[in-house]
N, C-alpha and C. Protein backbone atom coordinates (compact mmCIF):
# COMPACT_ATOMS: atom_id res chain seq x y z
N UNK A 1 40.68 -103.30 -207.26
CA UNK A 1 41.64 -102.30 -206.85
C UNK A 1 41.52 -102.09 -205.33
N UNK A 2 42.64 -102.04 -204.65
CA UNK A 2 42.67 -101.78 -203.22
C UNK A 2 42.85 -100.29 -202.99
N UNK A 3 42.05 -99.77 -202.09
CA UNK A 3 42.14 -98.36 -201.74
C UNK A 3 42.79 -98.21 -200.38
N UNK A 4 43.77 -97.33 -200.29
CA UNK A 4 44.43 -97.03 -199.03
C UNK A 4 44.70 -95.54 -199.01
N UNK A 5 44.65 -94.98 -197.83
CA UNK A 5 44.95 -93.56 -197.73
C UNK A 5 44.60 -93.02 -196.36
N UNK A 6 44.62 -91.70 -196.27
CA UNK A 6 44.28 -91.02 -195.02
C UNK A 6 43.00 -90.23 -195.23
N UNK A 7 42.15 -90.28 -194.22
CA UNK A 7 40.88 -89.57 -194.27
C UNK A 7 40.98 -88.31 -193.43
N UNK A 8 40.43 -87.22 -193.97
CA UNK A 8 40.39 -85.95 -193.24
C UNK A 8 38.93 -85.64 -192.91
N UNK A 9 38.56 -85.73 -191.64
CA UNK A 9 37.16 -85.51 -191.28
C UNK A 9 36.72 -84.06 -191.45
N UNK A 10 35.48 -83.88 -191.84
CA UNK A 10 34.89 -82.55 -191.95
C UNK A 10 34.46 -82.06 -190.57
N UNK A 11 33.94 -82.99 -189.77
CA UNK A 11 33.40 -82.65 -188.45
C UNK A 11 34.40 -83.09 -187.38
N UNK A 12 35.43 -82.28 -187.21
CA UNK A 12 36.52 -82.63 -186.28
C UNK A 12 36.03 -82.88 -184.86
N UNK A 13 35.00 -82.18 -184.43
CA UNK A 13 34.54 -82.34 -183.05
C UNK A 13 33.94 -83.71 -182.79
N UNK A 14 33.50 -84.41 -183.83
CA UNK A 14 32.93 -85.75 -183.68
C UNK A 14 34.00 -86.83 -183.57
N UNK A 15 35.18 -86.56 -184.10
CA UNK A 15 36.22 -87.58 -184.12
C UNK A 15 36.94 -87.64 -182.78
N UNK A 16 37.02 -88.82 -182.21
CA UNK A 16 37.70 -89.03 -180.93
C UNK A 16 39.00 -89.79 -181.18
N UNK A 17 40.08 -89.07 -181.13
CA UNK A 17 41.39 -89.66 -181.39
C UNK A 17 42.24 -88.69 -182.19
N UNK A 18 43.25 -89.22 -182.82
CA UNK A 18 44.18 -88.42 -183.62
C UNK A 18 43.60 -88.20 -185.02
N UNK A 19 42.97 -87.07 -185.23
CA UNK A 19 42.31 -86.78 -186.50
C UNK A 19 43.30 -86.57 -187.65
N UNK A 20 44.59 -86.48 -187.34
CA UNK A 20 45.59 -86.31 -188.40
C UNK A 20 46.11 -87.65 -188.91
N UNK A 21 45.67 -88.74 -188.30
CA UNK A 21 46.18 -90.06 -188.69
C UNK A 21 45.06 -91.08 -188.80
N UNK A 22 44.03 -90.75 -189.57
CA UNK A 22 42.91 -91.67 -189.80
C UNK A 22 43.19 -92.41 -191.10
N UNK A 23 43.52 -93.68 -190.99
CA UNK A 23 43.94 -94.47 -192.14
C UNK A 23 42.83 -95.43 -192.56
N UNK A 24 42.54 -95.46 -193.86
CA UNK A 24 41.63 -96.48 -194.38
C UNK A 24 42.42 -97.44 -195.25
N UNK A 25 41.98 -98.71 -195.22
CA UNK A 25 42.68 -99.76 -195.96
C UNK A 25 41.80 -100.42 -197.02
N UNK A 26 40.62 -99.86 -197.20
CA UNK A 26 39.72 -100.39 -198.23
C UNK A 26 38.70 -99.31 -198.58
N UNK A 27 38.07 -99.48 -199.72
CA UNK A 27 37.03 -98.53 -200.12
C UNK A 27 35.84 -98.62 -199.17
N UNK A 28 35.61 -99.81 -198.59
CA UNK A 28 34.51 -99.97 -197.64
C UNK A 28 34.78 -99.18 -196.36
N UNK A 29 36.00 -99.22 -195.88
CA UNK A 29 36.35 -98.44 -194.69
C UNK A 29 36.20 -96.94 -194.98
N UNK A 30 36.63 -96.51 -196.14
CA UNK A 30 36.49 -95.10 -196.51
C UNK A 30 35.02 -94.70 -196.55
N UNK A 31 34.18 -95.52 -197.14
CA UNK A 31 32.75 -95.22 -197.19
C UNK A 31 32.16 -95.12 -195.79
N UNK A 32 32.59 -96.03 -194.90
CA UNK A 32 32.06 -96.00 -193.54
C UNK A 32 32.56 -94.77 -192.79
N UNK A 33 33.79 -94.35 -193.04
CA UNK A 33 34.31 -93.13 -192.42
C UNK A 33 33.48 -91.92 -192.83
N UNK A 34 33.19 -91.82 -194.11
CA UNK A 34 32.37 -90.70 -194.60
C UNK A 34 30.99 -90.74 -193.96
N UNK A 35 30.43 -91.94 -193.84
CA UNK A 35 29.12 -92.10 -193.22
C UNK A 35 29.16 -91.62 -191.76
N UNK A 36 30.17 -92.05 -191.02
CA UNK A 36 30.30 -91.65 -189.61
C UNK A 36 30.46 -90.14 -189.50
N UNK A 37 31.28 -89.58 -190.34
CA UNK A 37 31.59 -88.15 -190.29
C UNK A 37 30.35 -87.30 -190.59
N UNK A 38 29.51 -87.77 -191.50
CA UNK A 38 28.40 -86.94 -191.98
C UNK A 38 27.04 -87.28 -191.39
N UNK A 39 26.90 -88.40 -190.71
CA UNK A 39 25.61 -88.81 -190.17
C UNK A 39 25.35 -88.10 -188.84
N UNK A 40 24.27 -87.31 -188.74
CA UNK A 40 24.00 -86.58 -187.50
C UNK A 40 23.66 -87.48 -186.31
N UNK A 41 23.23 -88.72 -186.55
CA UNK A 41 22.94 -89.64 -185.45
C UNK A 41 24.20 -90.17 -184.78
N UNK A 42 25.32 -90.11 -185.50
CA UNK A 42 26.59 -90.55 -184.92
C UNK A 42 27.20 -89.35 -184.21
N UNK A 43 27.28 -89.46 -182.89
CA UNK A 43 27.76 -88.35 -182.07
C UNK A 43 29.28 -88.34 -181.95
N UNK A 44 29.87 -89.52 -181.91
CA UNK A 44 31.33 -89.66 -181.83
C UNK A 44 31.75 -90.87 -182.65
N UNK A 45 32.96 -90.80 -183.17
CA UNK A 45 33.52 -91.96 -183.84
C UNK A 45 35.03 -91.89 -183.81
N UNK A 46 35.65 -93.05 -183.94
CA UNK A 46 37.10 -93.16 -184.01
C UNK A 46 37.46 -94.38 -184.83
N UNK A 47 38.66 -94.38 -185.36
CA UNK A 47 39.13 -95.50 -186.18
C UNK A 47 40.49 -95.98 -185.68
N UNK A 48 40.53 -97.23 -185.26
CA UNK A 48 41.75 -97.87 -184.77
C UNK A 48 42.43 -97.04 -183.68
N UNK A 49 41.66 -96.54 -182.74
CA UNK A 49 42.19 -95.67 -181.69
C UNK A 49 42.53 -96.41 -180.39
N UNK A 50 42.20 -97.68 -180.30
CA UNK A 50 42.53 -98.47 -179.10
C UNK A 50 42.70 -99.93 -179.53
N UNK A 51 43.23 -100.73 -178.61
CA UNK A 51 43.42 -102.14 -178.96
C UNK A 51 42.81 -103.06 -177.91
N UNK A 52 42.54 -104.28 -178.37
CA UNK A 52 42.04 -105.36 -177.51
C UNK A 52 43.06 -106.49 -177.59
N UNK A 53 43.63 -106.90 -176.48
CA UNK A 53 44.57 -108.04 -176.52
C UNK A 53 43.81 -109.33 -176.87
N UNK A 54 44.45 -110.19 -177.66
CA UNK A 54 43.85 -111.48 -178.00
C UNK A 54 44.95 -112.53 -178.13
N UNK A 55 44.56 -113.76 -177.92
CA UNK A 55 45.48 -114.89 -178.04
C UNK A 55 45.36 -115.45 -179.46
N UNK A 56 46.46 -115.41 -180.20
CA UNK A 56 46.46 -115.88 -181.58
C UNK A 56 46.54 -117.41 -181.62
N UNK A 57 45.67 -118.03 -182.42
CA UNK A 57 45.74 -119.48 -182.58
C UNK A 57 46.92 -119.92 -183.46
N UNK A 58 47.55 -118.97 -184.13
CA UNK A 58 48.66 -119.30 -185.04
C UNK A 58 49.96 -119.53 -184.27
N UNK A 59 50.28 -118.62 -183.33
CA UNK A 59 51.54 -118.75 -182.60
C UNK A 59 51.36 -118.85 -181.09
N UNK A 60 50.09 -118.85 -180.64
CA UNK A 60 49.77 -118.99 -179.22
C UNK A 60 50.35 -117.85 -178.37
N UNK A 61 50.51 -116.69 -178.98
CA UNK A 61 50.99 -115.50 -178.27
C UNK A 61 49.89 -114.45 -178.22
N UNK A 62 50.04 -113.51 -177.28
CA UNK A 62 49.12 -112.39 -177.17
C UNK A 62 49.51 -111.34 -178.20
N UNK A 63 48.51 -110.86 -178.93
CA UNK A 63 48.69 -109.81 -179.93
C UNK A 63 47.70 -108.69 -179.63
N UNK A 64 47.83 -107.58 -180.36
CA UNK A 64 46.93 -106.45 -180.20
C UNK A 64 46.02 -106.34 -181.42
N UNK A 65 44.73 -106.31 -181.16
CA UNK A 65 43.73 -106.15 -182.20
C UNK A 65 43.19 -104.72 -182.11
N UNK A 66 43.34 -103.96 -183.19
CA UNK A 66 42.83 -102.60 -183.27
C UNK A 66 41.53 -102.64 -184.09
N UNK A 67 40.37 -102.59 -183.42
CA UNK A 67 39.10 -102.62 -184.17
C UNK A 67 39.03 -101.44 -185.14
N UNK A 68 38.36 -101.67 -186.25
CA UNK A 68 38.28 -100.63 -187.28
C UNK A 68 37.62 -99.36 -186.77
N UNK A 69 36.49 -99.49 -186.05
CA UNK A 69 35.75 -98.30 -185.65
C UNK A 69 35.15 -98.45 -184.27
N UNK A 70 35.04 -97.31 -183.61
CA UNK A 70 34.23 -97.17 -182.41
C UNK A 70 33.26 -96.03 -182.72
N UNK A 71 31.97 -96.26 -182.48
CA UNK A 71 31.00 -95.18 -182.70
C UNK A 71 30.04 -95.09 -181.52
N UNK A 72 29.57 -93.88 -181.28
CA UNK A 72 28.53 -93.63 -180.28
C UNK A 72 27.39 -92.96 -181.02
N UNK A 73 26.20 -93.56 -180.93
CA UNK A 73 25.05 -93.06 -181.67
C UNK A 73 23.86 -92.84 -180.75
N UNK A 74 22.94 -92.02 -181.23
CA UNK A 74 21.63 -91.91 -180.60
C UNK A 74 20.69 -92.78 -181.41
N UNK A 75 20.04 -93.75 -180.75
CA UNK A 75 19.13 -94.62 -181.48
C UNK A 75 17.77 -93.95 -181.64
N UNK A 76 16.82 -94.69 -182.19
CA UNK A 76 15.49 -94.13 -182.47
C UNK A 76 14.75 -93.70 -181.21
N UNK A 77 15.13 -94.30 -180.08
CA UNK A 77 14.49 -93.95 -178.80
C UNK A 77 15.28 -92.89 -178.04
N UNK A 78 16.24 -92.26 -178.73
CA UNK A 78 17.08 -91.21 -178.14
C UNK A 78 18.03 -91.75 -177.08
N UNK A 79 18.30 -93.04 -177.11
CA UNK A 79 19.21 -93.68 -176.16
C UNK A 79 20.61 -93.73 -176.78
N UNK A 80 21.64 -93.48 -175.95
CA UNK A 80 23.02 -93.57 -176.44
C UNK A 80 23.43 -95.03 -176.52
N UNK A 81 23.98 -95.41 -177.66
CA UNK A 81 24.45 -96.77 -177.87
C UNK A 81 25.86 -96.71 -178.42
N UNK A 82 26.74 -97.57 -177.88
CA UNK A 82 28.13 -97.63 -178.33
C UNK A 82 28.34 -98.92 -179.12
N UNK A 83 29.13 -98.80 -180.18
CA UNK A 83 29.43 -99.95 -181.03
C UNK A 83 30.93 -100.01 -181.31
N UNK A 84 31.42 -101.22 -181.43
CA UNK A 84 32.70 -101.47 -182.07
C UNK A 84 32.35 -102.15 -183.39
N UNK A 85 32.86 -101.57 -184.46
CA UNK A 85 32.53 -102.04 -185.81
C UNK A 85 33.80 -102.55 -186.49
N UNK A 86 33.69 -103.73 -187.06
CA UNK A 86 34.77 -104.29 -187.88
C UNK A 86 34.25 -104.37 -189.31
N UNK A 87 35.01 -103.86 -190.26
CA UNK A 87 34.66 -103.92 -191.67
C UNK A 87 35.53 -104.99 -192.32
N UNK A 88 34.88 -106.01 -192.87
CA UNK A 88 35.62 -107.14 -193.45
C UNK A 88 34.94 -107.62 -194.72
N UNK A 89 35.72 -108.11 -195.68
CA UNK A 89 35.12 -108.78 -196.83
C UNK A 89 34.36 -110.03 -196.34
N UNK A 90 33.22 -110.26 -196.94
CA UNK A 90 32.37 -111.38 -196.51
C UNK A 90 33.11 -112.71 -196.53
N UNK A 91 33.96 -112.91 -197.51
CA UNK A 91 34.65 -114.21 -197.63
C UNK A 91 35.58 -114.48 -196.44
N UNK A 92 35.99 -113.44 -195.70
CA UNK A 92 36.85 -113.66 -194.53
C UNK A 92 36.05 -114.00 -193.27
N UNK A 93 34.74 -113.95 -193.36
CA UNK A 93 33.88 -114.24 -192.21
C UNK A 93 33.47 -115.70 -192.13
N UNK A 94 33.83 -116.47 -193.12
CA UNK A 94 33.47 -117.89 -193.18
C UNK A 94 34.72 -118.72 -193.43
N UNK A 95 34.74 -119.95 -192.92
CA UNK A 95 35.93 -120.78 -193.16
C UNK A 95 36.08 -121.09 -194.65
N UNK A 96 37.31 -121.11 -195.13
CA UNK A 96 37.54 -121.47 -196.53
C UNK A 96 37.04 -122.90 -196.79
N UNK A 97 36.56 -123.11 -197.99
CA UNK A 97 36.07 -124.44 -198.36
C UNK A 97 37.22 -125.43 -198.36
N UNK A 98 36.98 -126.64 -197.87
CA UNK A 98 38.05 -127.66 -197.89
C UNK A 98 38.52 -127.93 -199.32
N UNK A 99 39.82 -128.19 -199.44
CA UNK A 99 40.41 -128.47 -200.75
C UNK A 99 41.27 -129.72 -200.67
N UNK A 100 41.38 -130.40 -201.77
CA UNK A 100 42.24 -131.58 -201.81
C UNK A 100 43.70 -131.16 -201.73
N UNK A 101 44.06 -130.13 -202.51
CA UNK A 101 45.43 -129.61 -202.49
C UNK A 101 45.50 -128.46 -201.51
N UNK A 102 46.39 -128.54 -200.56
CA UNK A 102 46.56 -127.49 -199.56
C UNK A 102 47.58 -126.47 -200.08
N UNK A 103 47.11 -125.53 -200.89
CA UNK A 103 47.98 -124.51 -201.48
C UNK A 103 48.36 -123.47 -200.43
N UNK A 104 49.39 -122.69 -200.73
CA UNK A 104 49.79 -121.60 -199.83
C UNK A 104 48.66 -120.61 -199.66
N UNK A 105 47.96 -120.34 -200.75
CA UNK A 105 46.85 -119.39 -200.71
C UNK A 105 45.75 -119.92 -199.78
N UNK A 106 45.44 -121.20 -199.87
CA UNK A 106 44.41 -121.79 -199.01
C UNK A 106 44.85 -121.78 -197.56
N UNK A 107 46.11 -122.10 -197.30
CA UNK A 107 46.63 -122.10 -195.93
C UNK A 107 46.59 -120.69 -195.34
N UNK A 108 46.89 -119.69 -196.14
CA UNK A 108 46.83 -118.29 -195.69
C UNK A 108 45.38 -117.91 -195.36
N UNK A 109 44.44 -118.36 -196.17
CA UNK A 109 43.02 -118.08 -195.92
C UNK A 109 42.57 -118.74 -194.61
N UNK A 110 43.03 -119.94 -194.34
CA UNK A 110 42.71 -120.62 -193.08
C UNK A 110 43.28 -119.83 -191.90
N UNK A 111 44.52 -119.39 -192.04
CA UNK A 111 45.17 -118.61 -190.98
C UNK A 111 44.42 -117.30 -190.73
N UNK A 112 44.07 -116.59 -191.80
CA UNK A 112 43.33 -115.32 -191.68
C UNK A 112 42.00 -115.55 -190.98
N UNK A 113 41.29 -116.58 -191.39
CA UNK A 113 40.00 -116.89 -190.77
C UNK A 113 40.18 -117.19 -189.28
N UNK A 114 41.16 -118.00 -188.94
CA UNK A 114 41.40 -118.38 -187.55
C UNK A 114 41.75 -117.17 -186.69
N UNK A 115 42.61 -116.32 -187.19
CA UNK A 115 43.01 -115.13 -186.45
C UNK A 115 41.81 -114.19 -186.29
N UNK A 116 41.03 -114.00 -187.35
CA UNK A 116 39.84 -113.15 -187.25
C UNK A 116 38.87 -113.68 -186.20
N UNK A 117 38.66 -114.98 -186.18
CA UNK A 117 37.76 -115.57 -185.20
C UNK A 117 38.25 -115.31 -183.78
N UNK A 118 39.56 -115.43 -183.56
CA UNK A 118 40.12 -115.17 -182.23
C UNK A 118 39.94 -113.69 -181.85
N UNK A 119 40.24 -112.80 -182.78
CA UNK A 119 40.06 -111.36 -182.52
C UNK A 119 38.62 -111.06 -182.13
N UNK A 120 37.69 -111.61 -182.89
CA UNK A 120 36.28 -111.30 -182.68
C UNK A 120 35.75 -111.92 -181.38
N UNK A 121 36.30 -113.05 -181.00
CA UNK A 121 35.92 -113.67 -179.72
C UNK A 121 36.31 -112.73 -178.57
N UNK A 122 37.53 -112.26 -178.59
CA UNK A 122 38.01 -111.35 -177.55
C UNK A 122 37.28 -110.01 -177.62
N UNK A 123 36.96 -109.54 -178.81
CA UNK A 123 36.23 -108.28 -178.96
C UNK A 123 34.83 -108.40 -178.37
N UNK A 124 34.17 -109.53 -178.59
CA UNK A 124 32.83 -109.73 -178.03
C UNK A 124 32.88 -109.74 -176.51
N UNK A 125 33.88 -110.40 -175.94
CA UNK A 125 34.04 -110.42 -174.48
C UNK A 125 34.31 -109.01 -173.95
N UNK A 126 35.18 -108.28 -174.62
CA UNK A 126 35.50 -106.90 -174.27
C UNK A 126 34.22 -106.06 -174.27
N UNK A 127 33.44 -106.18 -175.32
CA UNK A 127 32.21 -105.40 -175.47
C UNK A 127 31.17 -105.81 -174.43
N UNK A 128 30.99 -107.09 -174.22
CA UNK A 128 30.02 -107.56 -173.23
C UNK A 128 30.33 -107.00 -171.84
N UNK A 129 31.61 -106.94 -171.50
CA UNK A 129 32.02 -106.42 -170.19
C UNK A 129 31.76 -104.92 -170.05
N UNK A 130 31.59 -104.21 -171.17
CA UNK A 130 31.48 -102.75 -171.13
C UNK A 130 30.16 -102.21 -171.66
N UNK A 131 29.23 -103.09 -171.97
CA UNK A 131 27.94 -102.63 -172.48
C UNK A 131 28.03 -102.03 -173.87
N UNK A 132 28.93 -102.56 -174.68
CA UNK A 132 29.13 -102.10 -176.05
C UNK A 132 28.67 -103.21 -176.99
N UNK A 133 28.13 -102.85 -178.14
CA UNK A 133 27.73 -103.84 -179.13
C UNK A 133 28.84 -104.03 -180.15
N UNK A 134 29.10 -105.27 -180.53
CA UNK A 134 30.12 -105.59 -181.53
C UNK A 134 29.43 -106.01 -182.82
N UNK A 135 29.82 -105.38 -183.92
CA UNK A 135 29.22 -105.67 -185.23
C UNK A 135 30.31 -105.85 -186.27
N UNK A 136 30.08 -106.80 -187.15
CA UNK A 136 30.94 -106.99 -188.32
C UNK A 136 30.13 -106.59 -189.54
N UNK A 137 30.64 -105.64 -190.30
CA UNK A 137 29.97 -105.20 -191.51
C UNK A 137 30.75 -105.70 -192.72
N UNK A 138 30.03 -106.29 -193.67
CA UNK A 138 30.63 -106.75 -194.92
C UNK A 138 30.07 -105.90 -196.06
N UNK A 139 30.49 -106.22 -197.26
CA UNK A 139 29.99 -105.50 -198.42
C UNK A 139 28.47 -105.60 -198.53
N UNK A 140 27.88 -106.68 -198.00
CA UNK A 140 26.42 -106.82 -198.05
C UNK A 140 25.72 -105.70 -197.29
N UNK A 141 26.25 -105.33 -196.13
CA UNK A 141 25.65 -104.25 -195.35
C UNK A 141 26.09 -102.87 -195.85
N UNK A 142 27.29 -102.78 -196.37
CA UNK A 142 27.83 -101.47 -196.76
C UNK A 142 27.35 -101.00 -198.13
N UNK A 143 27.13 -101.90 -199.06
CA UNK A 143 26.75 -101.50 -200.41
C UNK A 143 25.48 -100.66 -200.45
N UNK A 144 24.38 -101.15 -199.88
CA UNK A 144 23.15 -100.38 -200.04
C UNK A 144 23.06 -99.12 -199.19
N UNK A 145 23.75 -99.08 -198.04
CA UNK A 145 23.52 -98.00 -197.10
C UNK A 145 24.56 -96.88 -197.14
N UNK A 146 25.80 -97.21 -197.39
CA UNK A 146 26.87 -96.22 -197.23
C UNK A 146 27.44 -95.84 -198.58
N UNK A 147 26.96 -94.76 -199.12
CA UNK A 147 27.41 -94.33 -200.44
C UNK A 147 28.33 -93.15 -200.34
């Protein structure tokens, strides 16, 4: 089942952006929103509040990539650390297995993987230029920690 909806933060002062339009597109995104909202180590967070331009390998045009999350945390050493977080199903982080028959579904998976790789390349460059860490979280990281 796919979960979609709007999230209403409890801690409005922590949310940086339009708190009336926080959209989640999966149960994993919703879980991470709740985690950000309720975790005292997360000082600020936002969801899809800015974009990073990227060159799409599909049409060779510039598009806008809206990262899932931006968070600012205090680490164990009391240092402020900024992250851009992308929440993705694990299967989208790896190239689809080669197939003898090139079905529409397989071609779409190849396209999704290629576009994700381009987005993440530009996101890493964006983050490196600004002293921000870029992380991709899959169900493997989200299952045990974010309930």
